[in-house]
């Protein structure tokens, strides 16, 4: 996986072009995986359902994926961006998600799972 991501990152030719991996945080916990090289190679990671997790399309109950959140310190400690997407529309859940994400130094985004419209601004 590291070789593949490094190869893709090697195609960056234009200034400002960023490479983000999507999900797959468990790879950081694989024995003998070179986490430091992986984190150096990319600009960040995108996550979904990090705080409000379950099978519903939106507004799941709070079920923090603590193992994923803990693994993200490899990115935030090294100045990399963590983009967190949770599918919540309830006002209280939106505010709670944004506060939790920002407390972990993640960039929060709330939207609909269908990704068929631009989300409303949130706190």
PDB file of N, CA and C in Angstrom:
ATOM      1  N   UNK A   1       0.824  -1.190   0.000  1.00  0.00           N
ATOM      2  CA  UNK A   1       0.000   0.000   0.000  1.00  0.00           C
ATOM      3  C   UNK A   1       0.870   1.256   0.000  1.00  0.00           C
ATOM      4  N   UNK A   2       1.906   1.247   0.819  1.00  0.00           N
ATOM      5  CA  UNK A   2       2.791   2.415   0.879  1.00  0.00           C
ATOM      6  C   UNK A   2       3.405   2.698  -0.480  1.00  0.00           C
ATOM      7  N   UNK A   3       3.847   1.668  -1.183  1.00  0.00           N
ATOM      8  CA  UNK A   3       4.440   1.875  -2.517  1.00  0.00           C
ATOM      9  C   UNK A   3       3.425   2.460  -3.484  1.00  0.00           C
ATOM     10  N   UNK A   4       2.182   1.984  -3.428  1.00  0.00           N
ATOM     11  CA  UNK A   4       1.146   2.498  -4.313  1.00  0.00           C
ATOM     12  C   UNK A   4       0.871   3.973  -4.030  1.00  0.00           C
ATOM     13  N   UNK A   5       0.694   4.311  -2.771  1.00  0.00           N
ATOM     14  CA  UNK A   5       0.422   5.700  -2.406  1.00  0.00           C
ATOM     15  C   UNK A   5       1.612   6.589  -2.776  1.00  0.00           C
ATOM     16  N   UNK A   6       2.820   6.118  -2.545  1.00  0.00           N
ATOM     17  CA  UNK A   6       4.016   6.893  -2.904  1.00  0.00           C
ATOM     18  C   UNK A   6       4.090   7.099  -4.413  1.00  0.00           C
ATOM     19  N   UNK A   7       3.717   6.085  -5.151  1.00  0.00           N
ATOM     20  CA  UNK A   7       3.739   6.207  -6.619  1.00  0.00           C
ATOM     21  C   UNK A   7       2.719   7.245  -7.095  1.00  0.00           C
ATOM     22  N   UNK A   8       1.525   7.185  -6.528  1.00  0.00           N
ATOM     23  CA  UNK A   8       0.499   8.177  -6.876  1.00  0.00           C
ATOM     24  C   UNK A   8       0.968   9.574  -6.489  1.00  0.00           C
ATOM     25  N   UNK A   9       1.522   9.714  -5.291  1.00  0.00           N
ATOM     26  CA  UNK A   9       2.006  11.016  -4.832  1.00  0.00           C
ATOM     27  C   UNK A   9       3.125  11.533  -5.733  1.00  0.00           C
ATOM     28  N   UNK A  10       3.869  10.622  -6.339  1.00  0.00           N
ATOM     29  CA  UNK A  10       4.952  11.016  -7.237  1.00  0.00           C
ATOM     30  C   UNK A  10       4.470  11.701  -8.506  1.00  0.00           C
ATOM     31  N   UNK A  11       3.195  11.589  -8.804  1.00  0.00           N
ATOM     32  CA  UNK A  11       2.633  12.236  -9.992  1.00  0.00           C
ATOM     33  C   UNK A  11       2.250  13.683  -9.744  1.00  0.00           C
ATOM     34  N   UNK A  12       2.442  14.170  -8.527  1.00  0.00           N
ATOM     35  CA  UNK A  12       2.131  15.574  -8.234  1.00  0.00           C
ATOM     36  C   UNK A  12       3.074  16.449  -9.034  1.00  0.00           C
ATOM     37  N   UNK A  13       2.519  17.158  -9.966  1.00  0.00           N
ATOM     38  CA  UNK A  13       3.339  18.028 -10.816  1.00  0.00           C
ATOM     39  C   UNK A  13       3.019  19.501 -10.599  1.00  0.00           C
ATOM     40  N   UNK A  14       1.807  19.782 -10.194  1.00  0.00           N
ATOM     41  CA  UNK A  14       1.388  21.166 -10.055  1.00  0.00           C
ATOM     42  C   UNK A  14       1.406  21.585  -8.591  1.00  0.00           C
ATOM     43  N   UNK A  15       1.887  22.796  -8.329  1.00  0.00           N
ATOM     44  CA  UNK A  15       1.851  23.292  -6.950  1.00  0.00           C
ATOM     45  C   UNK A  15       0.403  23.319  -6.458  1.00  0.00           C
ATOM     46  N   UNK A  16       0.221  22.936  -5.215  1.00  0.00           N
ATOM     47  CA  UNK A  16      -1.115  22.967  -4.639  1.00  0.00           C
ATOM     48  C   UNK A  16      -1.908  21.689  -4.821  1.00  0.00           C
ATOM     49  N   UNK A  17      -1.407  20.761  -5.629  1.00  0.00           N
ATOM     50  CA  UNK A  17      -2.083  19.477  -5.793  1.00  0.00           C
ATOM     51  C   UNK A  17      -1.782  18.628  -4.564  1.00  0.00           C
ATOM     52  N   UNK A  18      -2.828  18.161  -3.908  1.00  0.00           N
ATOM     53  CA  UNK A  18      -2.661  17.426  -2.664  1.00  0.00           C
ATOM     54  C   UNK A  18      -3.085  15.971  -2.832  1.00  0.00           C
ATOM     55  N   UNK A  19      -2.477  15.100  -2.047  1.00  0.00           N
ATOM     56  CA  UNK A  19      -2.824  13.680  -2.058  1.00  0.00           C
ATOM     57  C   UNK A  19      -3.393  13.320  -0.688  1.00  0.00           C
ATOM     58  N   UNK A  20      -4.655  12.907  -0.699  1.00  0.00           N
ATOM     59  CA  UNK A  20      -5.343  12.453   0.507  1.00  0.00           C
ATOM     60  C   UNK A  20      -5.749  11.009   0.314  1.00  0.00           C
ATOM     61  N   UNK A  21      -5.518  10.197   1.314  1.00  0.00           N
ATOM     62  CA  UNK A  21      -6.038   8.835   1.302  1.00  0.00           C
ATOM     63  C   UNK A  21      -7.428   8.888   1.919  1.00  0.00           C
ATOM     64  N   UNK A  22      -8.277   7.936   1.551  1.00  0.00           N
ATOM     65  CA  UNK A  22      -9.645   7.923   2.068  1.00  0.00           C
ATOM     66  C   UNK A  22      -9.866   6.681   2.906  1.00  0.00           C
ATOM     67  N   UNK A  23     -10.231   6.906   4.154  1.00  0.00           N
ATOM     68  CA  UNK A  23     -10.470   5.823   5.110  1.00  0.00           C
ATOM     69  C   UNK A  23      -9.224   4.944   5.220  1.00  0.00           C
ATOM     70  N   UNK A  24      -9.375   3.699   5.515  1.00  0.00           N
ATOM     71  CA  UNK A  24      -8.230   2.795   5.614  1.00  0.00           C
ATOM     72  C   UNK A  24      -7.295   3.094   6.762  1.00  0.00           C
ATOM     73  N   UNK A  25      -7.804   3.719   7.809  1.00  0.00           N
ATOM     74  CA  UNK A  25      -6.940   4.078   8.933  1.00  0.00           C
ATOM     75  C   UNK A  25      -6.327   2.867   9.625  1.00  0.00           C
ATOM     76  N   UNK A  26      -6.962   1.721   9.507  1.00  0.00           N
ATOM     77  CA  UNK A  26      -6.452   0.515  10.181  1.00  0.00           C
ATOM     78  C   UNK A  26      -5.067   0.119   9.688  1.00  0.00           C
ATOM     79  N   UNK A  27      -4.689   0.575   8.506  1.00  0.00           N
ATOM     80  CA  UNK A  27      -3.357   0.244   7.985  1.00  0.00           C
ATOM     81  C   UNK A  27      -2.264   0.796   8.906  1.00  0.00           C
ATOM     82  N   UNK A  28      -2.583   1.852   9.642  1.00  0.00           N
ATOM     83  CA  UNK A  28      -1.609   2.449  10.550  1.00  0.00           C
ATOM     84  C   UNK A  28      -1.303   1.538  11.737  1.00  0.00           C
ATOM     85  N   UNK A  29      -2.154   0.557  11.942  1.00  0.00           N
ATOM     86  CA  UNK A  29      -2.014  -0.345  13.083  1.00  0.00           C
ATOM     87  C   UNK A  29      -1.440  -1.712  12.694  1.00  0.00           C
ATOM     88  N   UNK A  30      -1.043  -1.864  11.438  1.00  0.00           N
ATOM     89  CA  UNK A  30      -0.494  -3.134  10.948  1.00  0.00           C
ATOM     90  C   UNK A  30       0.955  -3.252  11.416  1.00  0.00           C
ATOM     91  N   UNK A  31       1.311  -4.376  12.036  1.00  0.00           N
ATOM     92  CA  UNK A  31       2.704  -4.546  12.482  1.00  0.00           C
ATOM     93  C   UNK A  31       3.692  -4.390  11.318  1.00  0.00           C
ATOM     94  N   UNK A  32       4.779  -3.730  11.599  1.00  0.00           N
ATOM     95  CA  UNK A  32       5.869  -3.500  10.648  1.00  0.00           C
ATOM     96  C   UNK A  32       5.513  -2.544   9.505  1.00  0.00           C
ATOM     97  N   UNK A  33       4.308  -1.926   9.541  1.00  0.00           N
ATOM     98  CA  UNK A  33       3.969  -0.942   8.522  1.00  0.00           C
ATOM     99  C   UNK A  33       4.699   0.351   8.838  1.00  0.00           C
ATOM    100  N   UNK A  34       5.299   0.966   7.839  1.00  0.00           N
ATOM    101  CA  UNK A  34       6.088   2.179   8.025  1.00  0.00           C
ATOM    102  C   UNK A  34       5.159   3.400   8.066  1.00  0.00           C
ATOM    103  N   UNK A  35       4.592   3.625   9.223  1.00  0.00           N
ATOM    104  CA  UNK A  35       3.630   4.713   9.409  1.00  0.00           C
ATOM    105  C   UNK A  35       4.265   6.061   9.089  1.00  0.00           C
ATOM    106  N   UNK A  36       5.473   6.287   9.549  1.00  0.00           N
ATOM    107  CA  UNK A  36       6.132   7.579   9.342  1.00  0.00           C
ATOM    108  C   UNK A  36       6.283   7.891   7.858  1.00  0.00           C
ATOM    109  N   UNK A  37       6.687   6.925   7.061  1.00  0.00           N
ATOM    110  CA  UNK A  37       6.829   7.143   5.610  1.00  0.00           C
ATOM    111  C   UNK A  37       5.481   7.404   4.964  1.00  0.00           C
ATOM    112  N   UNK A  38       4.473   6.662   5.381  1.00  0.00           N
ATOM    113  CA  UNK A  38       3.121   6.823   4.840  1.00  0.00           C
ATOM    114  C   UNK A  38       2.616   8.236   5.108  1.00  0.00           C
ATOM    115  N   UNK A  39       2.743   8.680   6.333  1.00  0.00           N
ATOM    116  CA  UNK A  39       2.267  10.006   6.705  1.00  0.00           C
ATOM    117  C   UNK A  39       3.057  11.095   5.974  1.00  0.00           C
ATOM    118  N   UNK A  40       4.357  10.908   5.823  1.00  0.00           N
ATOM    119  CA  UNK A  40       5.183  11.888   5.086  1.00  0.00           C
ATOM    120  C   UNK A  40       4.775  11.960   3.613  1.00  0.00           C
ATOM    121  N   UNK A  41       4.326  10.852   3.059  1.00  0.00           N
ATOM    122  CA  UNK A  41       4.024  10.761   1.631  1.00  0.00           C
ATOM    123  C   UNK A  41       2.747  11.493   1.246  1.00  0.00           C
ATOM    124  N   UNK A  42       1.773  11.533   2.144  1.00  0.00           N
ATOM    125  CA  UNK A  42       0.476  12.118   1.822  1.00  0.00           C
ATOM    126  C   UNK A  42       0.301  13.469   2.499  1.00  0.00           C
ATOM    127  N   UNK A  43      -0.735  14.175   2.063  1.00  0.00           N
ATOM    128  CA  UNK A  43      -1.043  15.472   2.657  1.00  0.00           C
ATOM    129  C   UNK A  43      -2.110  15.366   3.738  1.00  0.00           C
ATOM    130  N   UNK A  44      -2.817  14.247   3.750  1.00  0.00           N
ATOM    131  CA  UNK A  44      -3.848  14.064   4.765  1.00  0.00           C
ATOM    132  C   UNK A  44      -4.682  12.831   4.492  1.00  0.00           C
ATOM    133  N   UNK A  45      -5.742  12.711   5.284  1.00  0.00           N
ATOM    134  CA  UNK A  45      -6.631  11.558   5.188  1.00  0.00           C
ATOM    135  C   UNK A  45      -8.074  12.033   5.343  1.00  0.00           C
ATOM    136  N   UNK A  46      -8.971  11.365   4.662  1.00  0.00           N
ATOM    137  CA  UNK A  46     -10.397  11.617   4.823  1.00  0.00           C
ATOM    138  C   UNK A  46     -11.031  10.451   5.560  1.00  0.00           C
ATOM    139  N   UNK A  47     -11.920  10.765   6.475  1.00  0.00           N
ATOM    140  CA  UNK A  47     -12.610   9.746   7.259  1.00  0.00           C
ATOM    141  C   UNK A  47     -14.104   9.965   7.148  1.00  0.00           C
ATOM    142  N   UNK A  48     -14.872   8.915   7.355  1.00  0.00           N
ATOM    143  CA  UNK A  48     -16.319   9.086   7.435  1.00  0.00           C
ATOM    144  C   UNK A  48     -16.848   8.298   8.621  1.00  0.00           C
ATOM    145  N   UNK A  49     -17.975   8.775   9.133  1.00  0.00           N
ATOM    146  CA  UNK A  49     -18.629   8.103  10.267  1.00  0.00           C
ATOM    147  C   UNK A  49     -17.690   7.939  11.466  1.00  0.00           C
ATOM    148  N   UNK A  50     -16.946   8.947  11.780  1.00  0.00           N
ATOM    149  CA  UNK A  50     -15.959   8.850  12.848  1.00  0.00           C
ATOM    150  C   UNK A  50     -16.576   8.979  14.235  1.00  0.00           C
ATOM    151  N   UNK A  51     -17.605   9.793  14.338  1.00  0.00           N
ATOM    152  CA  UNK A  51     -18.226  10.022  15.643  1.00  0.00           C
ATOM    153  C   UNK A  51     -19.649   9.472  15.707  1.00  0.00           C
ATOM    154  N   UNK A  52     -20.426   9.693  14.661  1.00  0.00           N
ATOM    155  CA  UNK A  52     -21.799   9.181  14.587  1.00  0.00           C
ATOM    156  C   UNK A  52     -21.801   8.031  13.591  1.00  0.00           C
ATOM    157  N   UNK A  53     -21.699   6.822  14.112  1.00  0.00           N
ATOM    158  CA  UNK A  53     -21.439   5.643  13.293  1.00  0.00           C
ATOM    159  C   UNK A  53     -22.564   4.618  13.436  1.00  0.00           C
ATOM    160  N   UNK A  54     -23.051   4.114  12.323  1.00  0.00           N
ATOM    161  CA  UNK A  54     -23.995   2.999  12.281  1.00  0.00           C
ATOM    162  C   UNK A  54     -24.431   2.814  10.836  1.00  0.00           C
ATOM    163  N   UNK A  55     -25.525   2.099  10.628  1.00  0.00           N
ATOM    164  CA  UNK A  55     -25.951   1.763   9.272  1.00  0.00           C
ATOM    165  C   UNK A  55     -26.933   2.739   8.644  1.00  0.00           C
ATOM    166  N   UNK A  56     -27.507   3.633   9.421  1.00  0.00           N
ATOM    167  CA  UNK A  56     -28.494   4.561   8.875  1.00  0.00           C
ATOM    168  C   UNK A  56     -27.817   5.565   7.939  1.00  0.00           C
ATOM    169  N   UNK A  57     -28.600   6.115   7.031  1.00  0.00           N
ATOM    170  CA  UNK A  57     -28.051   7.096   6.095  1.00  0.00           C
ATOM    171  C   UNK A  57     -27.639   8.389   6.778  1.00  0.00           C
ATOM    172  N   UNK A  58     -28.311   8.719   7.882  1.00  0.00           N
ATOM    173  CA  UNK A  58     -27.963   9.943   8.605  1.00  0.00           C
ATOM    174  C   UNK A  58     -28.448   9.860  10.045  1.00  0.00           C
ATOM    175  N   UNK A  59     -27.917  10.759  10.850  1.00  0.00           N
ATOM    176  CA  UNK A  59     -28.324  10.921  12.247  1.00  0.00           C
ATOM    177  C   UNK A  59     -28.248   9.644  13.069  1.00  0.00           C
ATOM    178  N   UNK A  60     -27.168   8.910  12.897  1.00  0.00           N
ATOM    179  CA  UNK A  60     -26.923   7.751  13.751  1.00  0.00           C
ATOM    180  C   UNK A  60     -26.676   8.226  15.174  1.00  0.00           C
ATOM    181  N   UNK A  61     -26.672   7.290  16.085  1.00  0.00           N
ATOM    182  CA  UNK A  61     -26.346   7.612  17.476  1.00  0.00           C
ATOM    183  C   UNK A  61     -24.850   7.871  17.592  1.00  0.00           C
ATOM    184  N   UNK A  62     -24.505   8.603  18.638  1.00  0.00           N
ATOM    185  CA  UNK A  62     -23.092   8.853  18.905  1.00  0.00           C
ATOM    186  C   UNK A  62     -22.418   7.524  19.219  1.00  0.00           C
ATOM    187  N   UNK A  63     -21.480   7.147  18.393  1.00  0.00           N
ATOM    188  CA  UNK A  63     -20.695   5.926  18.601  1.00  0.00           C
ATOM    189  C   UNK A  63     -19.279   6.221  18.101  1.00  0.00           C
ATOM    190  N   UNK A  64     -18.502   6.834  18.950  1.00  0.00           N
ATOM    191  CA  UNK A  64     -17.169   7.305  18.575  1.00  0.00           C
ATOM    192  C   UNK A  64     -16.280   6.122  18.213  1.00  0.00           C
ATOM    193  N   UNK A  65     -15.644   6.215  17.083  1.00  0.00           N
ATOM    194  CA  UNK A  65     -14.688   5.203  16.650  1.00  0.00           C
ATOM    195  C   UNK A  65     -13.332   5.558  17.267  1.00  0.00           C
ATOM    196  N   UNK A  66     -13.207   5.285  18.556  1.00  0.00           N
ATOM    197  CA  UNK A  66     -12.041   5.715  19.345  1.00  0.00           C
ATOM    198  C   UNK A  66     -10.731   5.209  18.759  1.00  0.00           C
ATOM    199  N   UNK A  67     -10.725   3.986  18.240  1.00  0.00           N
ATOM    200  CA  UNK A  67      -9.488   3.458  17.661  1.00  0.00           C
ATOM    201  C   UNK A  67      -9.055   4.287  16.457  1.00  0.00           C
ATOM    202  N   UNK A  68      -9.998   4.701  15.642  1.00  0.00           N
ATOM    203  CA  UNK A  68      -9.690   5.533  14.466  1.00  0.00           C
ATOM    204  C   UNK A  68      -9.209   6.909  14.919  1.00  0.00           C
ATOM    205  N   UNK A  69      -9.928   7.502  15.855  1.00  0.00           N
ATOM    206  CA  UNK A  69      -9.537   8.820  16.365  1.00  0.00           C
ATOM    207  C   UNK A  69      -8.119   8.765  16.926  1.00  0.00           C
ATOM    208  N   UNK A  70      -7.807   7.739  17.690  1.00  0.00           N
ATOM    209  CA  UNK A  70      -6.464   7.598  18.257  1.00  0.00           C
ATOM    210  C   UNK A  70      -5.392   7.471  17.174  1.00  0.00           C
ATOM    211  N   UNK A  71      -5.677   6.717  16.128  1.00  0.00           N
ATOM    212  CA  UNK A  71      -4.703   6.531  15.049  1.00  0.00           C
ATOM    213  C   UNK A  71      -4.417   7.838  14.301  1.00  0.00           C
ATOM    214  N   UNK A  72      -5.351   8.764  14.328  1.00  0.00           N
ATOM    215  CA  UNK A  72      -5.188  10.009  13.580  1.00  0.00           C
ATOM    216  C   UNK A  72      -4.140  10.937  14.173  1.00  0.00           C
ATOM    217  N   UNK A  73      -3.683  10.655  15.379  1.00  0.00           N
ATOM    218  CA  UNK A  73      -2.609  11.486  15.930  1.00  0.00           C
ATOM    219  C   UNK A  73      -1.356  11.392  15.072  1.00  0.00           C
ATOM    220  N   UNK A  74      -1.185  10.285  14.355  1.00  0.00           N
ATOM    221  CA  UNK A  74      -0.040  10.170  13.442  1.00  0.00           C
ATOM    222  C   UNK A  74      -0.096  11.267  12.382  1.00  0.00           C
ATOM    223  N   UNK A  75      -1.300  11.672  12.003  1.00  0.00           N
ATOM    224  CA  UNK A  75      -1.449  12.742  11.011  1.00  0.00           C
ATOM    225  C   UNK A  75      -1.411  14.115  11.671  1.00  0.00           C
ATOM    226  N   UNK A  76      -2.240  14.342  12.678  1.00  0.00           N
ATOM    227  CA  UNK A  76      -2.325  15.677  13.272  1.00  0.00           C
ATOM    228  C   UNK A  76      -1.005  16.088  13.926  1.00  0.00           C
ATOM    229  N   UNK A  77      -0.317  15.155  14.559  1.00  0.00           N
ATOM    230  CA  UNK A  77       0.973  15.454  15.192  1.00  0.00           C
ATOM    231  C   UNK A  77       1.997  15.910  14.152  1.00  0.00           C
ATOM    232  N   UNK A  78       1.859  15.433  12.934  1.00  0.00           N
ATOM    233  CA  UNK A  78       2.792  15.777  11.864  1.00  0.00           C
ATOM    234  C   UNK A  78       2.268  16.878  10.952  1.00  0.00           C
ATOM    235  N   UNK A  79       1.265  17.612  11.409  1.00  0.00           N
ATOM    236  CA  UNK A  79       0.754  18.759  10.661  1.00  0.00           C
ATOM    237  C   UNK A  79      -0.056  18.395   9.425  1.00  0.00           C
ATOM    238  N   UNK A  80      -0.526  17.179   9.350  1.00  0.00           N
ATOM    239  CA  UNK A  80      -1.329  16.740   8.214  1.00  0.00           C
ATOM    240  C   UNK A  80      -2.807  16.965   8.521  1.00  0.00           C
ATOM    241  N   UNK A  81      -3.598  17.141   7.482  1.00  0.00           N
ATOM    242  CA  UNK A  81      -5.030  17.384   7.646  1.00  0.00           C
ATOM    243  C   UNK A  81      -5.798  16.074   7.772  1.00  0.00           C
ATOM    244  N   UNK A  82      -6.765  16.077   8.663  1.00  0.00           N
ATOM    245  CA  UNK A  82      -7.712  14.980   8.791  1.00  0.00           C
ATOM    246  C   UNK A  82      -9.084  15.568   8.479  1.00  0.00           C
ATOM    247  N   UNK A  83      -9.668  15.123   7.379  1.00  0.00           N
ATOM    248  CA  UNK A  83     -10.988  15.590   6.971  1.00  0.00           C
ATOM    249  C   UNK A  83     -12.015  14.585   7.480  1.00  0.00           C
ATOM    250  N   UNK A  84     -12.870  15.016   8.375  1.00  0.00           N
ATOM    251  CA  UNK A  84     -13.863  14.126   8.981  1.00  0.00           C
ATOM    252  C   UNK A  84     -15.242  14.448   8.426  1.00  0.00           C
ATOM    253  N   UNK A  85     -15.895  13.443   7.881  1.00  0.00           N
ATOM    254  CA  UNK A  85     -17.241  13.592   7.336  1.00  0.00           C
ATOM    255  C   UNK A  85     -18.179  12.695   8.130  1.00  0.00           C
ATOM    256  N   UNK A  86     -19.181  13.294   8.725  1.00  0.00           N
ATOM    257  CA  UNK A  86     -20.239  12.515   9.373  1.00  0.00           C
ATOM    258  C   UNK A  86     -21.562  12.950   8.761  1.00  0.00           C
ATOM    259  N   UNK A  87     -22.480  12.019   8.684  1.00  0.00           N
ATOM    260  CA  UNK A  87     -23.756  12.251   8.019  1.00  0.00           C
ATOM    261  C   UNK A  87     -24.820  12.526   9.069  1.00  0.00           C
ATOM    262  N   UNK A  88     -24.832  13.765   9.542  1.00  0.00           N
ATOM    263  CA  UNK A  88     -25.798  14.195  10.543  1.00  0.00           C
ATOM    264  C   UNK A  88     -26.514  15.446  10.042  1.00  0.00           C
ATOM    265  N   UNK A  89     -27.791  15.544  10.343  1.00  0.00           N
ATOM    266  CA  UNK A  89     -28.563  16.727   9.967  1.00  0.00           C
ATOM    267  C   UNK A  89     -29.249  17.359  11.171  1.00  0.00           C
ATOM    268  N   UNK A  90     -29.435  16.604  12.239  1.00  0.00           N
ATOM    269  CA  UNK A  90     -30.015  17.124  13.467  1.00  0.00           C
ATOM    270  C   UNK A  90     -29.098  18.214  14.018  1.00  0.00           C
ATOM    271  N   UNK A  91     -29.656  19.390  14.318  1.00  0.00           N
ATOM    272  CA  UNK A  91     -28.844  20.542  14.745  1.00  0.00           C
ATOM    273  C   UNK A  91     -27.922  20.235  15.918  1.00  0.00           C
ATOM    274  N   UNK A  92     -28.431  19.551  16.905  1.00  0.00           N
ATOM    275  CA  UNK A  92     -27.618  19.240  18.090  1.00  0.00           C
ATOM    276  C   UNK A  92     -26.474  18.290  17.726  1.00  0.00           C
ATOM    277  N   UNK A  93     -26.756  17.331  16.862  1.00  0.00           N
ATOM    278  CA  UNK A  93     -25.712  16.391  16.444  1.00  0.00           C
ATOM    279  C   UNK A  93     -24.669  17.078  15.573  1.00  0.00           C
ATOM    280  N   UNK A  94     -25.115  17.997  14.738  1.00  0.00           N
ATOM    281  CA  UNK A  94     -24.171  18.759  13.903  1.00  0.00           C
ATOM    282  C   UNK A  94     -23.210  19.536  14.796  1.00  0.00           C
ATOM    283  N   UNK A  95     -23.754  20.251  15.767  1.00  0.00           N
ATOM    284  CA  UNK A  95     -22.917  21.051  16.669  1.00  0.00           C
ATOM    285  C   UNK A  95     -21.964  20.158  17.464  1.00  0.00           C
ATOM    286  N   UNK A  96     -22.484  19.034  17.953  1.00  0.00           N
ATOM    287  CA  UNK A  96     -21.658  18.114  18.722  1.00  0.00           C
ATOM    288  C   UNK A  96     -20.537  17.527  17.860  1.00  0.00           C
ATOM    289  N   UNK A  97     -20.876  17.090  16.657  1.00  0.00           N
ATOM    290  CA  UNK A  97     -19.866  16.530  15.754  1.00  0.00           C
ATOM    291  C   UNK A  97     -18.782  17.557  15.462  1.00  0.00           C
ATOM    292  N   UNK A  98     -19.185  18.767  15.113  1.00  0.00           N
ATOM    293  CA  UNK A  98     -18.195  19.801  14.781  1.00  0.00           C
ATOM    294  C   UNK A  98     -17.274  20.082  15.962  1.00  0.00           C
ATOM    295  N   UNK A  99     -17.844  20.156  17.158  1.00  0.00           N
ATOM    296  CA  UNK A  99     -17.027  20.404  18.350  1.00  0.00           C
ATOM    297  C   UNK A  99     -16.053  19.255  18.599  1.00  0.00           C
ATOM    298  N   UNK A 100     -16.534  18.024  18.456  1.00  0.00           N
ATOM    299  CA  UNK A 100     -15.664  16.862  18.676  1.00  0.00           C
ATOM    300  C   UNK A 100     -14.551  16.803  17.625  1.00  0.00           C
ATOM    301  N   UNK A 101     -14.904  17.039  16.381  1.00  0.00           N
ATOM    302  CA  UNK A 101     -13.911  16.995  15.309  1.00  0.00           C
ATOM    303  C   UNK A 101     -12.845  18.068  15.512  1.00  0.00           C
ATOM    304  N   UNK A 102     -13.276  19.271  15.788  1.00  0.00           N
ATOM    305  CA  UNK A 102     -12.315  20.363  15.988  1.00  0.00           C
ATOM    306  C   UNK A 102     -11.433  20.133  17.211  1.00  0.00           C
ATOM    307  N   UNK A 103     -11.981  19.522  18.250  1.00  0.00           N
ATOM    308  CA  UNK A 103     -11.188  19.216  19.443  1.00  0.00           C
ATOM    309  C   UNK A 103     -10.053  18.250  19.122  1.00  0.00           C
ATOM    310  N   UNK A 104     -10.263  17.412  18.113  1.00  0.00           N
ATOM    311  CA  UNK A 104      -9.228  16.457  17.680  1.00  0.00           C
ATOM    312  C   UNK A 104      -8.337  17.045  16.574  1.00  0.00           C
ATOM    313  N   UNK A 105      -8.582  18.327  16.229  1.00  0.00           N
ATOM    314  CA  UNK A 105      -7.869  19.016  15.154  1.00  0.00           C
ATOM    315  C   UNK A 105      -8.225  18.455  13.776  1.00  0.00           C
ATOM    316  N   UNK A 106      -9.445  17.948  13.637  1.00  0.00           N
ATOM    317  CA  UNK A 106      -9.947  17.477  12.353  1.00  0.00           C
ATOM    318  C   UNK A 106     -10.717  18.618  11.691  1.00  0.00           C
ATOM    319  N   UNK A 107     -10.805  18.589  10.378  1.00  0.00           N
ATOM    320  CA  UNK A 107     -11.633  19.522   9.631  1.00  0.00           C
ATOM    321  C   UNK A 107     -12.996  18.847   9.444  1.00  0.00           C
ATOM    322  N   UNK A 108     -14.064  19.389  10.065  1.00  0.00           N
ATOM    323  CA  UNK A 108     -15.360  18.719  10.003  1.00  0.00           C
ATOM    324  C   UNK A 108     -16.164  19.083   8.753  1.00  0.00           C
ATOM    325  N   UNK A 109     -16.944  18.108   8.292  1.00  0.00           N
ATOM    326  CA  UNK A 109     -17.924  18.332   7.229  1.00  0.00           C
ATOM    327  C   UNK A 109     -19.140  17.482   7.544  1.00  0.00           C
ATOM    328  N   UNK A 110     -20.292  18.109   7.558  1.00  0.00           N
ATOM    329  CA  UNK A 110     -21.542  17.373   7.718  1.00  0.00           C
ATOM    330  C   UNK A 110     -22.293  17.458   6.399  1.00  0.00           C
ATOM    331  N   UNK A 111     -22.846  16.337   5.985  1.00  0.00           N
ATOM    332  CA  UNK A 111     -23.550  16.301   4.711  1.00  0.00           C
ATOM    333  C   UNK A 111     -24.482  15.100   4.696  1.00  0.00           C
ATOM    334  N   UNK A 112     -25.117  14.904   3.570  1.00  0.00           N
ATOM    335  CA  UNK A 112     -25.997  13.755   3.374  1.00  0.00           C
ATOM    336  C   UNK A 112     -25.175  12.641   2.729  1.00  0.00           C
ATOM    337  N   UNK A 113     -25.452  11.405   3.106  1.00  0.00           N
ATOM    338  CA  UNK A 113     -24.692  10.268   2.574  1.00  0.00           C
ATOM    339  C   UNK A 113     -24.764  10.192   1.047  1.00  0.00           C
ATOM    340  N   UNK A 114     -25.872  10.618   0.467  1.00  0.00           N
ATOM    341  CA  UNK A 114     -26.020  10.573  -0.988  1.00  0.00           C
ATOM    342  C   UNK A 114     -25.074  11.551  -1.694  1.00  0.00           C
ATOM    343  N   UNK A 115     -24.558  12.526  -0.952  1.00  0.00           N
ATOM    344  CA  UNK A 115     -23.640  13.540  -1.511  1.00  0.00           C
ATOM    345  C   UNK A 115     -24.228  14.185  -2.767  1.00  0.00           C
ATOM    346  N   UNK A 116     -25.536  14.437  -2.730  1.00  0.00           N
ATOM    347  CA  UNK A 116     -26.220  14.945  -3.915  1.00  0.00           C
ATOM    348  C   UNK A 116     -26.530  16.432  -3.835  1.00  0.00           C
ATOM    349  N   UNK A 117     -26.029  17.102  -2.812  1.00  0.00           N
ATOM    350  CA  UNK A 117     -26.208  18.548  -2.708  1.00  0.00           C
ATOM    351  C   UNK A 117     -25.136  19.124  -1.788  1.00  0.00           C
ATOM    352  N   UNK A 118     -24.949  20.418  -1.923  1.00  0.00           N
ATOM    353  CA  UNK A 118     -23.965  21.118  -1.097  1.00  0.00           C
ATOM    354  C   UNK A 118     -24.583  21.311   0.280  1.00  0.00           C
ATOM    355  N   UNK A 119     -23.861  20.960   1.325  1.00  0.00           N
ATOM    356  CA  UNK A 119     -24.425  21.104   2.679  1.00  0.00           C
ATOM    357  C   UNK A 119     -24.552  22.563   3.086  1.00  0.00           C
ATOM    358  N   UNK A 120     -25.461  22.795   4.020  1.00  0.00           N
ATOM    359  CA  UNK A 120     -25.635  24.126   4.601  1.00  0.00           C
ATOM    360  C   UNK A 120     -24.421  24.448   5.476  1.00  0.00           C
ATOM    361  N   UNK A 121     -24.100  25.730   5.618  1.00  0.00           N
ATOM    362  CA  UNK A 121     -23.026  26.086   6.571  1.00  0.00           C
ATOM    363  C   UNK A 121     -23.401  25.629   7.969  1.00  0.00           C
ATOM    364  N   UNK A 122     -22.423  25.321   8.777  1.00  0.00           N
ATOM    365  CA  UNK A 122     -22.666  24.838  10.120  1.00  0.00           C
ATOM    366  C   UNK A 122     -21.729  25.549  11.089  1.00  0.00           C
ATOM    367  N   UNK A 123     -22.013  25.400  12.391  1.00  0.00           N
ATOM    368  CA  UNK A 123     -21.217  26.153  13.373  1.00  0.00           C
ATOM    369  C   UNK A 123     -19.762  25.751  13.422  1.00  0.00           C
TER     370      UNK A 123
END
